[in-house]
Structure formats: C-alpha cells, structure tokens
C-alpha cells in the first residue's frame, strides 16, 4: 500500500476517534481508562501517527460504540467507487491476521466486508460483538478455520460458514495459509 494511502487512513482514524471522543465528552484520560490504552498511544492515534493493531482498534471501537470499519472508513464515497487490489484500510492483528476493509454500510442495518489474509500459524480470537451480530466467512484460497470458540469448522476454497459474532469466535489458518472474505452484519441500532 502506498505511503499516501496509509497516511489518509491514519488521518481518517484520527478524525473519527477525536470526533467521537469529544461527542461522548471523554477526555484522553477517560478514553485511556475505558480502553486500557495509554494516553500517549491515544494522543498518537489522534495525531494520525502510528499503526494501531486490530486489537487496539477493537478496544477503541468498543469504548466509542463503533465498529472497526466505522473507525477506519473515510468520508462517504462517490456515486461509483472502485477499490483496487492495493487500496483500502488495512488492520493487522498481533496474532498474524491481516484484514483489508472492503466496505462499510452505515444504513439502518450496518454491514462490513473485510478481506482476510491468514498466514501459516495465524490464530485470532475475536471478542464478542453485540447481540444479533452475524458473521459470514467465505474461503477464497487455502484452508481457513473459523467459528465460535469450541465449534470451529474447516473451510476450503469455495466453502462458506455462517455463525454468531456475539460470542468469542476464531479465525485461523488451516494446514498452511488461507484467504477469506468476512461479512459482518450488525443488528439495527436502537
């Protein structure tokens, strides 16, 4: 991904975090306590610096009432939008998973679409999302293990799994590595 693109995504994240923190009347200290992150780390994120992990972005989103996609998606797209293979906000897990945001739908029933790269040895445990969240994982290459903790299924290219996102769930590489499309559907907001 080009440096200009990375900078734009960091600026989108900075703007979104600052705007929502202020809308919730939270100081950096308040947000630090809610996320378990340091005020220094949060200040760097709000300054558009650094490259926070997926786990860090999940903590931020959870504290601000936003999804990861809402944190990193830029302004509303033009009437027709093309996302080239080398474009789009990328989030990385400390466990090796890489997700590229393909789409966020902010209508009444919010949906996010990610492309997942799961290198050999990747095992990511996703925190539970709100009640009613559904996940669909479509394996496009290799082998992917996914599903609620304790109920993992193995997917091969062309296979699709459907499960609840409201419990701890896993995305992992199979025997080697895997690639998948992840669709997350959130219930309508009250």
N, C-alpha and C. Protein backbone atom coordinates (compact mmCIF):
# COMPACT_ATOMS: atom_id res chain seq x y z
N UNK A 1 0.84 -1.16 0.00
CA UNK A 1 0.00 0.00 0.00
C UNK A 1 0.89 1.24 0.00
N UNK A 2 0.52 2.24 -0.74
CA UNK A 2 1.31 3.45 -0.85
C UNK A 2 1.30 4.24 0.45
N UNK A 3 2.41 4.98 0.69
CA UNK A 3 2.51 5.80 1.89
C UNK A 3 1.37 6.81 1.97
N UNK A 4 1.01 7.41 0.83
CA UNK A 4 -0.08 8.38 0.80
C UNK A 4 -1.38 7.74 1.28
N UNK A 5 -1.65 6.50 0.86
CA UNK A 5 -2.86 5.79 1.26
C UNK A 5 -2.85 5.50 2.76
N UNK A 6 -1.70 5.06 3.28
CA UNK A 6 -1.58 4.79 4.71
C UNK A 6 -1.83 6.06 5.51
N UNK A 7 -1.26 7.16 5.06
CA UNK A 7 -1.44 8.44 5.74
C UNK A 7 -2.92 8.85 5.74
N UNK A 8 -3.61 8.66 4.62
CA UNK A 8 -5.03 9.01 4.54
C UNK A 8 -5.84 8.17 5.53
N UNK A 9 -5.54 6.88 5.65
CA UNK A 9 -6.28 6.02 6.58
C UNK A 9 -5.98 6.41 8.03
N UNK A 10 -4.73 6.76 8.32
CA UNK A 10 -4.38 7.21 9.67
C UNK A 10 -5.11 8.50 10.01
N UNK A 11 -5.25 9.40 9.03
CA UNK A 11 -5.97 10.65 9.26
C UNK A 11 -7.47 10.41 9.46
N UNK A 12 -8.04 9.46 8.69
CA UNK A 12 -9.46 9.10 8.89
C UNK A 12 -9.67 8.58 10.30
N UNK A 13 -8.78 7.68 10.75
CA UNK A 13 -8.88 7.13 12.09
C UNK A 13 -8.74 8.24 13.13
N UNK A 14 -7.76 9.11 12.95
CA UNK A 14 -7.53 10.22 13.90
C UNK A 14 -8.77 11.09 14.02
N UNK A 15 -9.33 11.47 12.89
CA UNK A 15 -10.51 12.34 12.87
C UNK A 15 -11.70 11.65 13.55
N UNK A 16 -11.92 10.38 13.22
CA UNK A 16 -13.06 9.65 13.78
C UNK A 16 -12.94 9.49 15.29
N UNK A 17 -11.77 9.08 15.77
CA UNK A 17 -11.58 8.89 17.21
C UNK A 17 -11.78 10.20 17.95
N UNK A 18 -11.16 11.26 17.47
CA UNK A 18 -11.27 12.56 18.13
C UNK A 18 -12.73 13.04 18.15
N UNK A 19 -13.40 12.94 16.99
CA UNK A 19 -14.79 13.41 16.88
C UNK A 19 -15.71 12.65 17.84
N UNK A 20 -15.57 11.32 17.89
CA UNK A 20 -16.45 10.53 18.75
C UNK A 20 -16.07 10.66 20.22
N UNK A 21 -14.79 10.80 20.52
CA UNK A 21 -14.38 11.01 21.91
C UNK A 21 -14.99 12.30 22.42
N UNK A 22 -14.89 13.36 21.62
CA UNK A 22 -15.44 14.66 22.03
C UNK A 22 -16.97 14.62 22.09
N UNK A 23 -17.60 13.90 21.16
CA UNK A 23 -19.06 13.79 21.17
C UNK A 23 -19.56 13.09 22.43
N UNK A 24 -18.74 12.19 22.98
CA UNK A 24 -19.10 11.49 24.22
C UNK A 24 -18.57 12.22 25.45
N UNK A 25 -18.01 13.43 25.25
CA UNK A 25 -17.45 14.24 26.32
C UNK A 25 -16.41 13.47 27.14
N UNK A 26 -15.54 12.75 26.43
CA UNK A 26 -14.49 11.99 27.09
C UNK A 26 -13.15 12.71 26.94
N UNK A 27 -12.39 12.77 28.01
CA UNK A 27 -11.02 13.27 27.92
C UNK A 27 -10.15 12.11 27.42
N UNK A 28 -8.90 12.40 27.09
CA UNK A 28 -7.98 11.31 26.73
C UNK A 28 -7.83 10.34 27.89
N UNK A 29 -7.80 10.87 29.11
CA UNK A 29 -7.71 10.02 30.30
C UNK A 29 -8.91 9.10 30.44
N UNK A 30 -10.11 9.64 30.18
CA UNK A 30 -11.33 8.82 30.24
C UNK A 30 -11.26 7.69 29.21
N UNK A 31 -10.85 8.04 27.99
CA UNK A 31 -10.76 7.03 26.92
C UNK A 31 -9.66 6.02 27.24
N UNK A 32 -8.58 6.46 27.84
CA UNK A 32 -7.50 5.55 28.23
C UNK A 32 -8.02 4.53 29.24
N UNK A 33 -8.77 4.99 30.22
CA UNK A 33 -9.33 4.07 31.22
C UNK A 33 -10.32 3.10 30.59
N UNK A 34 -11.13 3.58 29.65
CA UNK A 34 -12.14 2.73 29.01
C UNK A 34 -11.52 1.68 28.08
N UNK A 35 -10.37 1.99 27.52
CA UNK A 35 -9.75 1.08 26.55
C UNK A 35 -8.59 0.28 27.12
N UNK A 36 -8.01 0.75 28.22
CA UNK A 36 -6.81 0.11 28.74
C UNK A 36 -5.56 0.52 27.98
N UNK A 37 -5.67 1.54 27.12
CA UNK A 37 -4.53 2.05 26.35
C UNK A 37 -3.97 3.27 27.06
N UNK A 38 -2.72 3.58 26.80
CA UNK A 38 -2.12 4.76 27.43
C UNK A 38 -2.59 6.03 26.75
N UNK A 39 -2.56 7.14 27.51
CA UNK A 39 -2.92 8.44 26.92
C UNK A 39 -1.95 8.79 25.80
N UNK A 40 -0.70 8.41 25.93
CA UNK A 40 0.30 8.68 24.88
C UNK A 40 -0.09 7.97 23.59
N UNK A 41 -0.48 6.70 23.70
CA UNK A 41 -0.90 5.94 22.50
C UNK A 41 -2.12 6.58 21.85
N UNK A 42 -3.07 6.98 22.69
CA UNK A 42 -4.29 7.60 22.16
C UNK A 42 -3.97 8.94 21.50
N UNK A 43 -3.09 9.72 22.10
CA UNK A 43 -2.70 11.01 21.52
C UNK A 43 -2.03 10.80 20.17
N UNK A 44 -1.20 9.76 20.06
CA UNK A 44 -0.54 9.45 18.77
C UNK A 44 -1.59 9.07 17.72
N UNK A 45 -2.58 8.28 18.11
CA UNK A 45 -3.63 7.89 17.16
C UNK A 45 -4.40 9.12 16.71
N UNK A 46 -4.76 10.00 17.66
CA UNK A 46 -5.50 11.21 17.30
C UNK A 46 -4.65 12.19 16.49
N UNK A 47 -3.34 12.04 16.54
CA UNK A 47 -2.45 12.88 15.73
C UNK A 47 -2.20 12.26 14.35
N UNK A 48 -2.78 11.08 14.10
CA UNK A 48 -2.59 10.43 12.81
C UNK A 48 -1.26 9.72 12.70
N UNK A 49 -0.66 9.40 13.83
CA UNK A 49 0.64 8.71 13.86
C UNK A 49 0.44 7.27 14.28
N UNK A 50 1.40 6.44 13.98
CA UNK A 50 1.35 5.06 14.41
C UNK A 50 0.47 4.21 13.51
N UNK A 51 0.45 2.93 13.81
CA UNK A 51 -0.31 1.96 13.05
C UNK A 51 -0.92 0.98 14.04
N UNK A 52 -2.06 1.34 14.67
CA UNK A 52 -2.62 0.51 15.73
C UNK A 52 -3.05 -0.87 15.23
N UNK A 53 -2.89 -1.85 16.09
CA UNK A 53 -3.28 -3.22 15.76
C UNK A 53 -4.80 -3.35 15.75
N UNK A 54 -5.27 -4.45 15.22
CA UNK A 54 -6.70 -4.75 15.20
C UNK A 54 -7.24 -4.79 16.63
N UNK A 55 -6.48 -5.37 17.55
CA UNK A 55 -6.93 -5.44 18.94
C UNK A 55 -7.10 -4.03 19.54
N UNK A 56 -6.16 -3.14 19.23
CA UNK A 56 -6.25 -1.76 19.71
C UNK A 56 -7.47 -1.07 19.12
N UNK A 57 -7.71 -1.29 17.82
CA UNK A 57 -8.86 -0.64 17.19
C UNK A 57 -10.17 -1.21 17.73
N UNK A 58 -10.18 -2.50 18.05
CA UNK A 58 -11.40 -3.09 18.63
C UNK A 58 -11.69 -2.43 19.98
N UNK A 59 -10.66 -2.24 20.80
CA UNK A 59 -10.84 -1.59 22.10
C UNK A 59 -11.39 -0.17 21.93
N UNK A 60 -10.81 0.56 20.97
CA UNK A 60 -11.28 1.93 20.71
C UNK A 60 -12.74 1.92 20.27
N UNK A 61 -13.04 1.07 19.31
CA UNK A 61 -14.40 0.99 18.80
C UNK A 61 -15.39 0.63 19.89
N UNK A 62 -15.03 -0.35 20.70
CA UNK A 62 -15.91 -0.79 21.78
C UNK A 62 -16.18 0.37 22.75
N UNK A 63 -15.14 1.11 23.10
CA UNK A 63 -15.30 2.23 24.04
C UNK A 63 -16.12 3.37 23.44
N UNK A 64 -16.05 3.55 22.12
CA UNK A 64 -16.75 4.66 21.47
C UNK A 64 -18.07 4.24 20.83
N UNK A 65 -18.42 2.96 20.94
CA UNK A 65 -19.67 2.48 20.35
C UNK A 65 -19.60 2.37 18.83
N UNK A 66 -18.41 2.08 18.30
CA UNK A 66 -18.21 1.98 16.86
C UNK A 66 -17.59 0.63 16.50
N UNK A 67 -17.78 0.21 15.27
CA UNK A 67 -17.10 -0.98 14.78
C UNK A 67 -15.73 -0.59 14.24
N UNK A 68 -14.89 -1.56 14.00
CA UNK A 68 -13.57 -1.28 13.40
C UNK A 68 -13.75 -0.60 12.04
N UNK A 69 -14.70 -1.09 11.26
CA UNK A 69 -14.95 -0.48 9.96
C UNK A 69 -15.34 0.98 10.05
N UNK A 70 -16.16 1.32 11.03
CA UNK A 70 -16.56 2.71 11.21
C UNK A 70 -15.39 3.58 11.64
N UNK A 71 -14.44 2.99 12.36
CA UNK A 71 -13.26 3.75 12.78
C UNK A 71 -12.37 4.12 11.60
N UNK A 72 -12.22 3.22 10.63
CA UNK A 72 -11.23 3.45 9.58
C UNK A 72 -11.80 3.86 8.23
N UNK A 73 -13.10 3.73 8.04
CA UNK A 73 -13.69 4.11 6.76
C UNK A 73 -13.64 5.63 6.61
N UNK A 74 -13.30 6.09 5.44
CA UNK A 74 -13.21 7.52 5.17
C UNK A 74 -14.57 8.13 4.94
N UNK A 75 -14.59 9.35 4.41
CA UNK A 75 -15.85 10.03 4.10
C UNK A 75 -16.67 9.22 3.09
N UNK A 76 -17.93 9.56 2.99
CA UNK A 76 -18.82 8.86 2.06
C UNK A 76 -18.22 8.81 0.66
N UNK A 77 -18.27 7.66 0.01
CA UNK A 77 -17.68 7.53 -1.32
C UNK A 77 -18.50 8.24 -2.39
N UNK A 78 -17.86 8.41 -3.55
CA UNK A 78 -18.52 8.99 -4.72
C UNK A 78 -19.61 8.02 -5.20
N UNK A 79 -20.46 8.42 -6.18
CA UNK A 79 -21.53 7.55 -6.66
C UNK A 79 -21.04 6.18 -7.14
N UNK A 80 -19.85 6.13 -7.72
CA UNK A 80 -19.24 4.86 -8.11
C UNK A 80 -17.86 4.83 -7.49
N UNK A 81 -17.57 3.75 -6.81
CA UNK A 81 -16.28 3.64 -6.13
C UNK A 81 -15.62 2.34 -6.53
N UNK A 82 -14.37 2.40 -6.91
CA UNK A 82 -13.58 1.21 -7.23
C UNK A 82 -12.47 1.11 -6.20
N UNK A 83 -12.36 -0.03 -5.59
CA UNK A 83 -11.30 -0.28 -4.63
C UNK A 83 -10.32 -1.24 -5.29
N UNK A 84 -9.18 -0.74 -5.67
CA UNK A 84 -8.16 -1.55 -6.33
C UNK A 84 -7.52 -2.51 -5.33
N UNK A 85 -6.91 -3.57 -5.85
CA UNK A 85 -6.33 -4.62 -5.01
C UNK A 85 -5.32 -4.09 -4.00
N UNK A 86 -4.64 -3.01 -4.29
CA UNK A 86 -3.62 -2.48 -3.38
C UNK A 86 -4.16 -1.35 -2.50
N UNK A 87 -5.46 -1.11 -2.52
CA UNK A 87 -6.05 0.01 -1.78
C UNK A 87 -6.93 -0.50 -0.64
N UNK A 88 -7.31 0.42 0.23
CA UNK A 88 -8.23 0.12 1.32
C UNK A 88 -7.52 0.08 2.65
N UNK A 89 -8.22 0.49 3.70
CA UNK A 89 -7.62 0.46 5.03
C UNK A 89 -7.30 -0.97 5.45
N UNK A 90 -6.13 -1.17 6.02
CA UNK A 90 -5.69 -2.49 6.46
C UNK A 90 -5.52 -2.47 7.97
N UNK A 91 -6.03 -3.50 8.62
CA UNK A 91 -5.82 -3.68 10.06
C UNK A 91 -5.08 -4.99 10.24
N UNK A 92 -4.16 -5.00 11.20
CA UNK A 92 -3.37 -6.20 11.46
C UNK A 92 -3.53 -6.61 12.91
N UNK A 93 -3.65 -7.90 13.10
CA UNK A 93 -3.75 -8.46 14.43
C UNK A 93 -2.36 -8.81 14.93
N UNK A 94 -2.16 -8.72 16.22
CA UNK A 94 -0.90 -9.15 16.81
C UNK A 94 -0.70 -10.65 16.62
N UNK A 95 -1.78 -11.38 16.30
CA UNK A 95 -1.71 -12.83 16.11
C UNK A 95 -1.43 -13.21 14.65
N UNK A 96 -1.21 -12.22 13.78
CA UNK A 96 -0.82 -12.52 12.41
C UNK A 96 -1.89 -12.31 11.36
N UNK A 97 -3.15 -12.13 11.75
CA UNK A 97 -4.20 -11.94 10.76
C UNK A 97 -4.13 -10.53 10.20
N UNK A 98 -4.40 -10.41 8.91
CA UNK A 98 -4.43 -9.11 8.23
C UNK A 98 -5.81 -8.97 7.59
N UNK A 99 -6.50 -7.87 7.88
CA UNK A 99 -7.81 -7.62 7.29
C UNK A 99 -7.82 -6.33 6.51
N UNK A 100 -8.33 -6.38 5.28
CA UNK A 100 -8.46 -5.17 4.46
C UNK A 100 -9.94 -4.87 4.34
N UNK A 101 -10.34 -3.68 4.82
CA UNK A 101 -11.75 -3.28 4.78
C UNK A 101 -12.15 -3.06 3.33
N UNK A 102 -13.16 -3.79 2.88
CA UNK A 102 -13.66 -3.65 1.51
C UNK A 102 -14.87 -2.75 1.46
N UNK A 103 -15.68 -2.75 2.54
CA UNK A 103 -16.93 -1.97 2.51
C UNK A 103 -17.49 -1.83 3.91
N UNK A 104 -18.06 -0.68 4.19
CA UNK A 104 -18.86 -0.45 5.39
C UNK A 104 -20.18 0.15 4.95
N UNK A 105 -21.27 -0.47 5.32
CA UNK A 105 -22.60 0.05 5.01
C UNK A 105 -23.15 0.63 6.31
N UNK A 106 -23.38 1.93 6.33
CA UNK A 106 -23.82 2.57 7.57
C UNK A 106 -25.32 2.84 7.59
N UNK A 107 -26.06 2.09 6.80
CA UNK A 107 -27.51 2.25 6.81
C UNK A 107 -28.08 1.69 8.11
N UNK A 108 -29.39 1.59 8.19
CA UNK A 108 -30.07 1.13 9.40
C UNK A 108 -29.49 -0.21 9.89
N UNK A 109 -29.22 -1.12 8.99
CA UNK A 109 -28.63 -2.42 9.33
C UNK A 109 -27.21 -2.41 8.79
N UNK A 110 -26.23 -2.17 9.67
CA UNK A 110 -24.84 -1.97 9.26
C UNK A 110 -24.17 -3.28 8.88
N UNK A 111 -23.41 -3.24 7.78
CA UNK A 111 -22.66 -4.39 7.29
C UNK A 111 -21.25 -3.94 6.95
N UNK A 112 -20.27 -4.79 7.26
CA UNK A 112 -18.88 -4.54 6.89
C UNK A 112 -18.33 -5.76 6.17
N UNK A 113 -17.49 -5.52 5.18
CA UNK A 113 -16.89 -6.60 4.40
C UNK A 113 -15.37 -6.44 4.47
N UNK A 114 -14.69 -7.49 4.91
CA UNK A 114 -13.23 -7.50 5.01
C UNK A 114 -12.66 -8.62 4.16
N UNK A 115 -11.47 -8.40 3.62
CA UNK A 115 -10.68 -9.45 3.00
C UNK A 115 -9.66 -9.87 4.06
N UNK A 116 -9.60 -11.16 4.38
CA UNK A 116 -8.69 -11.64 5.42
C UNK A 116 -7.55 -12.45 4.81
N UNK A 117 -6.34 -12.16 5.23
CA UNK A 117 -5.17 -12.97 4.91
C UNK A 117 -4.76 -13.64 6.21
N UNK A 118 -4.66 -14.95 6.18
CA UNK A 118 -4.32 -15.72 7.38
C UNK A 118 -3.05 -16.53 7.09
N UNK A 119 -1.88 -15.95 7.35
CA UNK A 119 -0.63 -16.67 7.12
C UNK A 119 -0.54 -17.92 8.00
N UNK A 120 0.33 -18.83 7.60
CA UNK A 120 0.55 -20.06 8.34
C UNK A 120 0.79 -19.73 9.82
N UNK A 121 0.09 -20.40 10.72
CA UNK A 121 0.26 -20.20 12.15
C UNK A 121 -0.67 -19.17 12.77
N UNK A 122 -1.45 -18.46 11.95
CA UNK A 122 -2.36 -17.44 12.48
C UNK A 122 -3.49 -18.08 13.28
N UNK A 123 -3.77 -17.53 14.44
CA UNK A 123 -4.91 -17.95 15.27
C UNK A 123 -5.40 -16.71 16.00
N UNK A 124 -6.49 -16.12 15.53
CA UNK A 124 -7.02 -14.87 16.09
C UNK A 124 -8.33 -15.16 16.78
N UNK A 125 -8.46 -14.73 18.05
CA UNK A 125 -9.72 -14.85 18.79
C UNK A 125 -10.40 -13.50 18.79
N UNK A 126 -11.57 -13.42 18.18
CA UNK A 126 -12.35 -12.19 18.15
C UNK A 126 -13.21 -12.05 19.38
N UNK A 127 -13.21 -10.86 19.94
CA UNK A 127 -14.06 -10.56 21.10
C UNK A 127 -15.53 -10.60 20.66
N UNK A 128 -16.44 -10.93 21.57
CA UNK A 128 -17.86 -10.93 21.22
C UNK A 128 -18.34 -9.53 20.81
N UNK A 129 -19.14 -9.47 19.77
CA UNK A 129 -19.79 -8.24 19.34
C UNK A 129 -21.17 -8.21 20.00
N UNK A 130 -21.96 -7.19 19.73
CA UNK A 130 -23.28 -7.08 20.32
C UNK A 130 -24.21 -8.22 19.92
N UNK A 131 -25.24 -8.43 20.73
CA UNK A 131 -26.23 -9.47 20.44
C UNK A 131 -26.82 -9.25 19.06
N UNK A 132 -26.99 -10.32 18.32
CA UNK A 132 -27.58 -10.25 16.99
C UNK A 132 -26.59 -10.07 15.87
N UNK A 133 -25.29 -9.91 16.19
CA UNK A 133 -24.28 -9.78 15.15
C UNK A 133 -24.06 -11.14 14.49
N UNK A 134 -24.07 -11.13 13.16
CA UNK A 134 -23.87 -12.36 12.37
C UNK A 134 -22.60 -12.22 11.54
N UNK A 135 -21.89 -13.32 11.34
CA UNK A 135 -20.68 -13.31 10.53
C UNK A 135 -20.78 -14.39 9.46
N UNK A 136 -20.29 -14.06 8.29
CA UNK A 136 -20.23 -14.98 7.17
C UNK A 136 -18.78 -14.98 6.70
N UNK A 137 -18.17 -16.17 6.62
CA UNK A 137 -16.78 -16.29 6.16
C UNK A 137 -16.79 -17.17 4.92
N UNK A 138 -16.26 -16.61 3.82
CA UNK A 138 -16.16 -17.35 2.55
C UNK A 138 -14.68 -17.54 2.23
N UNK A 139 -14.23 -18.79 2.21
CA UNK A 139 -12.84 -19.10 1.94
C UNK A 139 -12.59 -18.97 0.43
N UNK A 140 -11.59 -18.17 0.06
CA UNK A 140 -11.27 -17.98 -1.35
C UNK A 140 -9.99 -18.70 -1.75
N UNK A 141 -9.14 -19.08 -0.78
CA UNK A 141 -7.91 -19.80 -1.10
C UNK A 141 -7.39 -20.48 0.16
N UNK A 142 -6.72 -21.60 -0.02
CA UNK A 142 -6.11 -22.30 1.10
C UNK A 142 -7.14 -22.94 2.00
N UNK A 143 -6.85 -22.91 3.29
CA UNK A 143 -7.71 -23.51 4.29
C UNK A 143 -7.87 -22.54 5.46
N UNK A 144 -9.12 -22.35 5.90
CA UNK A 144 -9.44 -21.41 6.98
C UNK A 144 -10.26 -22.15 8.03
N UNK A 145 -9.88 -21.97 9.29
CA UNK A 145 -10.67 -22.48 10.40
C UNK A 145 -11.38 -21.28 11.02
N UNK A 146 -12.67 -21.41 11.28
CA UNK A 146 -13.40 -20.28 11.84
C UNK A 146 -14.64 -20.78 12.57
N UNK A 147 -15.23 -19.86 13.32
CA UNK A 147 -16.47 -20.15 14.02
C UNK A 147 -16.38 -19.80 15.48
N UNK A 148 -17.48 -20.02 16.20
CA UNK A 148 -17.48 -19.75 17.64
C UNK A 148 -16.46 -20.67 18.32
N UNK A 149 -15.81 -20.14 19.35
CA UNK A 149 -14.83 -20.92 20.10
C UNK A 149 -15.47 -22.24 20.54
N UNK A 150 -14.79 -23.34 20.31
CA UNK A 150 -15.31 -24.65 20.65
C UNK A 150 -16.13 -25.29 19.55
N UNK A 151 -16.42 -24.54 18.47
CA UNK A 151 -17.22 -25.06 17.36
C UNK A 151 -16.60 -24.69 16.02
N UNK A 152 -15.28 -24.80 15.92
CA UNK A 152 -14.60 -24.39 14.70
C UNK A 152 -14.91 -25.35 13.56
N UNK A 153 -15.01 -24.78 12.37
CA UNK A 153 -15.18 -25.58 11.15
C UNK A 153 -14.00 -25.28 10.23
N UNK A 154 -13.69 -26.22 9.37
CA UNK A 154 -12.62 -26.05 8.40
C UNK A 154 -13.22 -25.76 7.04
N UNK A 155 -12.78 -24.66 6.44
CA UNK A 155 -13.26 -24.27 5.12
C UNK A 155 -12.14 -24.41 4.10
N UNK A 156 -12.50 -24.87 2.90
CA UNK A 156 -11.59 -24.91 1.77
C UNK A 156 -12.12 -23.92 0.74
N UNK A 157 -11.31 -23.60 -0.26
CA UNK A 157 -11.72 -22.62 -1.28
C UNK A 157 -13.13 -22.94 -1.79
N UNK A 158 -14.00 -21.92 -1.72
CA UNK A 158 -15.38 -22.06 -2.16
C UNK A 158 -16.37 -22.35 -1.04
N UNK A 159 -15.90 -22.77 0.14
CA UNK A 159 -16.77 -23.06 1.27
C UNK A 159 -17.12 -21.77 2.02
N UNK A 160 -18.32 -21.76 2.64
CA UNK A 160 -18.79 -20.61 3.39
C UNK A 160 -19.34 -21.07 4.73
N UNK A 161 -19.02 -20.34 5.80
CA UNK A 161 -19.55 -20.63 7.13
C UNK A 161 -20.34 -19.42 7.61
N UNK A 162 -21.39 -19.68 8.38
CA UNK A 162 -22.27 -18.65 8.94
C UNK A 162 -22.33 -18.89 10.44
N UNK A 163 -22.11 -17.84 11.25
CA UNK A 163 -22.17 -18.04 12.70
C UNK A 163 -22.41 -16.72 13.41
N UNK A 164 -22.74 -16.81 14.70
CA UNK A 164 -22.97 -15.62 15.50
C UNK A 164 -21.65 -14.96 15.85
N UNK A 165 -21.65 -13.64 15.85
CA UNK A 165 -20.47 -12.90 16.27
C UNK A 165 -20.60 -12.40 17.70
N UNK A 166 -21.68 -12.81 18.38
CA UNK A 166 -21.94 -12.30 19.73
C UNK A 166 -21.29 -13.16 20.82
N UNK A 167 -20.46 -14.11 20.41
CA UNK A 167 -19.66 -14.90 21.34
C UNK A 167 -18.21 -14.85 20.85
N UNK A 168 -17.27 -15.26 21.70
CA UNK A 168 -15.87 -15.31 21.26
C UNK A 168 -15.79 -16.22 20.05
N UNK A 169 -15.10 -15.76 19.01
CA UNK A 169 -15.01 -16.52 17.77
C UNK A 169 -13.59 -16.47 17.24
N UNK A 170 -13.28 -17.41 16.34
CA UNK A 170 -11.90 -17.60 15.91
C UNK A 170 -11.79 -17.54 14.40
N UNK A 171 -10.66 -16.96 13.93
CA UNK A 171 -10.24 -17.03 12.53
C UNK A 171 -8.82 -17.57 12.59
N UNK A 172 -8.54 -18.66 11.88
CA UNK A 172 -7.21 -19.25 11.93
C UNK A 172 -6.85 -19.83 10.57
N UNK A 173 -5.55 -19.92 10.33
CA UNK A 173 -5.06 -20.57 9.11
C UNK A 173 -5.21 -22.07 9.30
N UNK A 174 -5.48 -22.76 8.20
CA UNK A 174 -5.54 -24.21 8.23
C UNK A 174 -4.15 -24.80 8.20
N UNK A 175 -3.97 -25.86 7.42
CA UNK A 175 -2.67 -26.54 7.37
C UNK A 175 -1.55 -25.63 6.90
N UNK A 176 -1.84 -24.72 6.02
CA UNK A 176 -0.83 -23.77 5.56
C UNK A 176 -1.35 -22.37 5.85
N UNK A 177 -1.78 -21.69 4.82
CA UNK A 177 -2.34 -20.36 4.99
C UNK A 177 -3.72 -20.34 4.34
N UNK A 178 -4.43 -19.25 4.53
CA UNK A 178 -5.75 -19.13 3.93
C UNK A 178 -6.12 -17.69 3.66
N UNK A 179 -7.06 -17.52 2.75
CA UNK A 179 -7.62 -16.20 2.46
C UNK A 179 -9.13 -16.35 2.47
N UNK A 180 -9.80 -15.31 2.97
CA UNK A 180 -11.26 -15.38 3.07
C UNK A 180 -11.86 -13.98 2.96
N UNK A 181 -13.14 -13.96 2.66
CA UNK A 181 -13.94 -12.74 2.72
C UNK A 181 -14.81 -12.89 3.97
N UNK A 182 -14.79 -11.86 4.81
CA UNK A 182 -15.58 -11.84 6.03
C UNK A 182 -16.65 -10.76 5.90
N UNK A 183 -17.92 -11.14 6.10
CA UNK A 183 -19.02 -10.19 6.10
C UNK A 183 -19.59 -10.18 7.52
N UNK A 184 -19.59 -9.00 8.13
CA UNK A 184 -20.13 -8.84 9.47
C UNK A 184 -21.40 -8.00 9.38
N UNK A 185 -22.50 -8.53 9.88
CA UNK A 185 -23.78 -7.82 9.86
C UNK A 185 -24.20 -7.55 11.29
N UNK A 186 -24.39 -6.27 11.57
CA UNK A 186 -24.77 -5.84 12.91
C UNK A 186 -26.27 -5.57 12.94
N UNK A 187 -26.91 -5.82 14.09
CA UNK A 187 -28.35 -5.55 14.18
C UNK A 187 -28.62 -4.05 14.08
N UNK A 188 -29.85 -3.69 13.71
CA UNK A 188 -30.19 -2.27 13.68
C UNK A 188 -29.94 -1.64 15.05
N UNK A 189 -29.44 -0.39 15.02
CA UNK A 189 -29.17 0.29 16.28
C UNK A 189 -30.47 0.79 16.88
N UNK A 190 -30.56 0.68 18.19
CA UNK A 190 -31.78 1.09 18.90
C UNK A 190 -31.89 2.58 18.97
